N, C-alpha and C. Protein backbone atom coordinates (compact mmCIF):
# COMPACT_ATOMS: atom_id res chain seq x y z
N UNK A 1 -22.07 41.15 -19.72
CA UNK A 1 -21.99 40.71 -18.50
C UNK A 1 -21.73 39.76 -18.53
N UNK A 2 -20.03 39.63 -17.91
CA UNK A 2 -20.22 37.96 -17.49
C UNK A 2 -19.47 37.58 -15.85
N UNK A 3 -20.49 36.66 -15.90
CA UNK A 3 -20.75 36.35 -14.65
C UNK A 3 -20.21 34.47 -14.20
N UNK A 4 -19.25 34.50 -13.57
CA UNK A 4 -18.43 33.24 -13.33
C UNK A 4 -18.84 32.88 -12.18
N UNK A 5 -19.23 31.57 -11.97
CA UNK A 5 -19.65 30.67 -10.47
C UNK A 5 -18.54 29.37 -10.20
N UNK A 6 -18.00 29.31 -9.57
CA UNK A 6 -17.04 28.21 -9.19
C UNK A 6 -17.75 27.07 -7.88
N UNK A 7 -18.05 26.30 -8.37
CA UNK A 7 -18.29 25.46 -7.23
C UNK A 7 -17.10 24.44 -6.70
N UNK A 8 -17.15 24.71 -5.20
CA UNK A 8 -15.30 24.16 -4.59
C UNK A 8 -15.87 22.57 -4.83
N UNK A 9 -17.01 22.25 -4.92
CA UNK A 9 -17.18 20.71 -4.70
C UNK A 9 -16.89 20.02 -6.26
N UNK A 10 -17.30 20.62 -7.19
CA UNK A 10 -16.94 20.17 -8.23
C UNK A 10 -15.63 20.18 -8.59
N UNK A 11 -15.03 21.49 -8.53
CA UNK A 11 -13.64 21.42 -8.36
C UNK A 11 -12.59 20.42 -7.61
N UNK A 12 -13.32 20.22 -6.36
CA UNK A 12 -12.47 19.03 -5.76
C UNK A 12 -12.75 17.69 -6.70
N UNK A 13 -13.59 17.48 -7.04
CA UNK A 13 -14.47 16.11 -7.78
C UNK A 13 -13.29 16.41 -9.02
N UNK A 14 -12.97 16.85 -9.73
CA UNK A 14 -12.37 17.43 -10.83
C UNK A 14 -10.75 16.77 -10.50
N UNK A 15 -10.42 17.63 -9.63
CA UNK A 15 -8.82 17.77 -8.97
C UNK A 15 -8.64 15.95 -9.11
N UNK A 16 -9.46 15.29 -8.11
CA UNK A 16 -9.71 13.97 -7.53
C UNK A 16 -9.61 13.09 -8.60
N UNK A 17 -10.39 13.23 -9.68
CA UNK A 17 -10.10 12.66 -11.07
C UNK A 17 -9.20 12.39 -11.73
N UNK A 18 -8.18 13.76 -11.71
CA UNK A 18 -6.94 13.88 -12.45
C UNK A 18 -5.90 12.88 -11.57
N UNK A 19 -5.85 13.51 -10.82
CA UNK A 19 -4.58 12.87 -9.78
C UNK A 19 -4.91 11.57 -8.74
N UNK A 20 -6.20 10.62 -9.54
CA UNK A 20 -6.33 9.64 -8.75
C UNK A 20 -5.37 8.60 -9.02
N UNK A 21 -4.42 8.79 -10.42
CA UNK A 21 -3.82 7.31 -10.52
C UNK A 21 -2.47 7.77 -9.76
N UNK A 22 -2.14 8.83 -9.37
CA UNK A 22 -0.91 8.80 -8.91
C UNK A 22 -0.63 8.12 -7.71
N UNK A 23 -2.02 8.39 -7.11
CA UNK A 23 -1.92 7.61 -5.77
C UNK A 23 -2.56 6.13 -5.55
N UNK A 24 -2.81 5.79 -6.89
CA UNK A 24 -3.41 4.35 -7.08
C UNK A 24 -2.19 3.43 -6.50
N UNK A 25 -2.70 2.57 -5.76
CA UNK A 25 -1.69 1.49 -5.54
C UNK A 25 -1.90 0.22 -5.65
N UNK A 26 -1.75 -0.73 -6.70
CA UNK A 26 -2.17 -2.08 -6.85
C UNK A 26 -1.88 -3.08 -5.71
N UNK A 27 -3.20 -3.66 -5.16
CA UNK A 27 -2.51 -4.79 -3.84
C UNK A 27 -3.37 -6.04 -4.64
N UNK A 28 -3.26 -7.32 -4.02
CA UNK A 28 -3.79 -7.88 -4.08
C UNK A 28 -5.54 -7.91 -3.70
N UNK A 29 -6.08 -7.22 -3.23
CA UNK A 29 -7.33 -6.83 -2.87
C UNK A 29 -8.20 -6.19 -4.12
N UNK A 30 -7.44 -5.64 -4.68
CA UNK A 30 -7.57 -4.72 -6.24
C UNK A 30 -7.74 -5.92 -6.70
N UNK A 31 -7.06 -6.67 -7.26
CA UNK A 31 -6.82 -8.21 -8.52
C UNK A 31 -7.72 -8.69 -8.18
N UNK A 32 -8.40 -9.20 -6.60
CA UNK A 32 -9.46 -9.85 -5.89
C UNK A 32 -10.76 -9.23 -7.12
N UNK A 33 -10.93 -8.21 -6.67
CA UNK A 33 -12.19 -7.40 -6.82
C UNK A 33 -12.28 -7.60 -8.54
N UNK A 34 -11.11 -7.05 -9.35
CA UNK A 34 -11.35 -7.06 -10.76
C UNK A 34 -11.73 -8.52 -10.78
N UNK A 35 -10.65 -9.47 -11.05
CA UNK A 35 -11.50 -10.95 -11.19
C UNK A 35 -12.78 -11.21 -10.84
N UNK A 36 -12.87 -11.10 -9.30
CA UNK A 36 -14.51 -11.48 -9.05
C UNK A 36 -15.85 -10.43 -10.00
N UNK A 37 -15.15 -9.57 -10.30
CA UNK A 37 -16.47 -8.46 -10.58
C UNK A 37 -16.20 -8.15 -12.07
N UNK A 38 -15.42 -8.59 -12.85
CA UNK A 38 -14.96 -7.88 -14.32
C UNK A 38 -15.07 -9.63 -15.01
N UNK A 39 -13.90 -10.14 -14.57
CA UNK A 39 -13.45 -11.28 -15.60
C UNK A 39 -13.66 -12.23 -15.36
N UNK A 40 -14.48 -12.98 -14.00
CA UNK A 40 -15.47 -14.14 -14.29
C UNK A 40 -16.40 -14.03 -14.43
N UNK A 41 -17.16 -12.71 -14.28
CA UNK A 41 -18.41 -12.97 -15.13
C UNK A 41 -18.39 -12.86 -16.22
N UNK A 42 -17.98 -12.01 -16.80
CA UNK A 42 -17.53 -11.99 -18.59
C UNK A 42 -17.08 -13.30 -19.47
N UNK A 43 -16.35 -13.73 -18.53
CA UNK A 43 -15.98 -15.35 -18.58
C UNK A 43 -17.06 -16.33 -18.62
N UNK A 44 -17.97 -16.50 -17.66
CA UNK A 44 -18.78 -17.38 -17.54
C UNK A 44 -20.26 -16.82 -18.51
N UNK A 45 -20.19 -15.75 -18.47
CA UNK A 45 -21.33 -14.87 -19.65
C UNK A 45 -21.08 -15.69 -21.08
N UNK A 46 -19.98 -15.31 -21.31
CA UNK A 46 -19.70 -15.91 -22.80
C UNK A 46 -19.49 -17.84 -22.94
N UNK A 47 -19.24 -18.12 -21.96
CA UNK A 47 -19.30 -19.53 -21.73
C UNK A 47 -20.70 -19.69 -22.13
N UNK A 48 -21.65 -19.12 -20.87
CA UNK A 48 -22.87 -19.93 -21.37
C UNK A 48 -23.57 -19.53 -22.92
N UNK A 49 -23.29 -18.43 -23.17
CA UNK A 49 -24.14 -18.18 -24.88
C UNK A 49 -23.72 -19.02 -25.83
N UNK A 50 -21.95 -18.97 -25.59
CA UNK A 50 -21.24 -20.00 -26.37
C UNK A 50 -22.09 -21.40 -26.03
N UNK A 51 -22.02 -21.93 -25.32
CA UNK A 51 -22.41 -23.53 -25.14
C UNK A 51 -24.19 -23.28 -25.59
N UNK A 52 -25.04 -22.71 -25.50
CA UNK A 52 -26.64 -22.56 -26.10
C UNK A 52 -26.68 -22.40 -27.41
N UNK A 53 -25.71 -21.42 -27.64
CA UNK A 53 -25.92 -21.20 -29.61
C UNK A 53 -25.41 -22.65 -29.89
N UNK A 54 -24.27 -23.24 -29.65
CA UNK A 54 -23.38 -24.31 -30.05
C UNK A 54 -24.87 -25.76 -29.83
N UNK A 55 -25.67 -25.55 -28.86
CA UNK A 55 -26.83 -26.56 -28.77
C UNK A 55 -27.74 -26.44 -29.67
N UNK A 56 -28.21 -25.12 -29.73
CA UNK A 56 -29.04 -24.48 -31.17
C UNK A 56 -28.17 -25.37 -32.61
N UNK A 57 -27.42 -24.83 -32.91
CA UNK A 57 -26.89 -24.93 -34.55
C UNK A 57 -26.74 -26.25 -34.22
N UNK A 58 -26.41 -27.25 -33.11
CA UNK A 58 -26.77 -28.93 -33.80
C UNK A 58 -27.79 -29.61 -33.75
N UNK A 59 -28.75 -28.73 -33.33
CA UNK A 59 -30.22 -29.10 -33.26
C UNK A 59 -30.41 -28.49 -34.73
N UNK A 60 -30.16 -27.77 -35.32
CA UNK A 60 -30.55 -27.30 -36.36
C UNK A 60 -30.11 -27.99 -37.42
N UNK A 61 -28.56 -28.28 -37.85
CA UNK A 61 -28.12 -29.06 -38.42
C UNK A 61 -28.49 -30.57 -38.60
N UNK A 62 -28.49 -31.04 -37.22
CA UNK A 62 -29.51 -32.53 -37.59
C UNK A 62 -31.27 -32.49 -38.10
N UNK A 63 -31.69 -31.60 -38.13
CA UNK A 63 -33.08 -31.33 -38.40
C UNK A 63 -34.10 -31.32 -37.46
N UNK A 64 -33.94 -31.21 -35.70
CA UNK A 64 -34.76 -31.49 -35.05
C UNK A 64 -35.79 -30.50 -35.07
N UNK A 65 -35.14 -29.40 -35.49
CA UNK A 65 -36.21 -27.78 -35.19
C UNK A 65 -36.18 -27.58 -36.89
N UNK A 66 -37.39 -27.52 -37.06
CA UNK A 66 -38.29 -27.04 -38.24
C UNK A 66 -37.60 -25.43 -38.77
N UNK A 67 -37.31 -25.47 -40.02
CA UNK A 67 -36.80 -24.36 -40.94
C UNK A 67 -37.92 -22.83 -40.37
N UNK A 68 -39.17 -23.39 -39.94
CA UNK A 68 -40.22 -22.09 -39.80
C UNK A 68 -40.20 -22.29 -38.23
N UNK A 69 -39.96 -22.83 -37.33
CA UNK A 69 -39.73 -22.60 -35.78
C UNK A 69 -38.37 -21.67 -35.64
N UNK A 70 -37.15 -21.96 -36.55
CA UNK A 70 -36.06 -21.30 -36.09
C UNK A 70 -36.16 -20.01 -35.92
N UNK A 71 -35.56 -19.67 -34.95
CA UNK A 71 -35.39 -18.09 -34.73
C UNK A 71 -34.58 -17.38 -35.89
N UNK A 72 -34.48 -16.16 -35.65
CA UNK A 72 -33.52 -15.50 -36.59
C UNK A 72 -33.71 -16.26 -37.87
N UNK A 73 -34.46 -16.34 -38.94
CA UNK A 73 -34.90 -17.15 -39.87
C UNK A 73 -34.55 -16.31 -41.36
N UNK A 74 -34.59 -15.12 -40.81
CA UNK A 74 -34.96 -14.16 -41.90
C UNK A 74 -33.22 -12.78 -42.12
N UNK A 75 -32.77 -13.47 -41.02
CA UNK A 75 -31.34 -13.04 -41.20
C UNK A 75 -29.95 -13.11 -42.20
């Protein structure tokens, strides 16, 4: 027995996802959105991580942190 059920909402959603790029038009608003919510946070987070790791590395190399107190000493 073959019973197929179609949900109109799911079919509309799939059609919208497939044809979305045909109707997308780049604009300054889209560019600002991408910068503010994607590029700037990723860059800022990467800078903060690198800065903190560089400070720790400088402390390790100068001997300010004892080997037993270091993080990730077994890696």
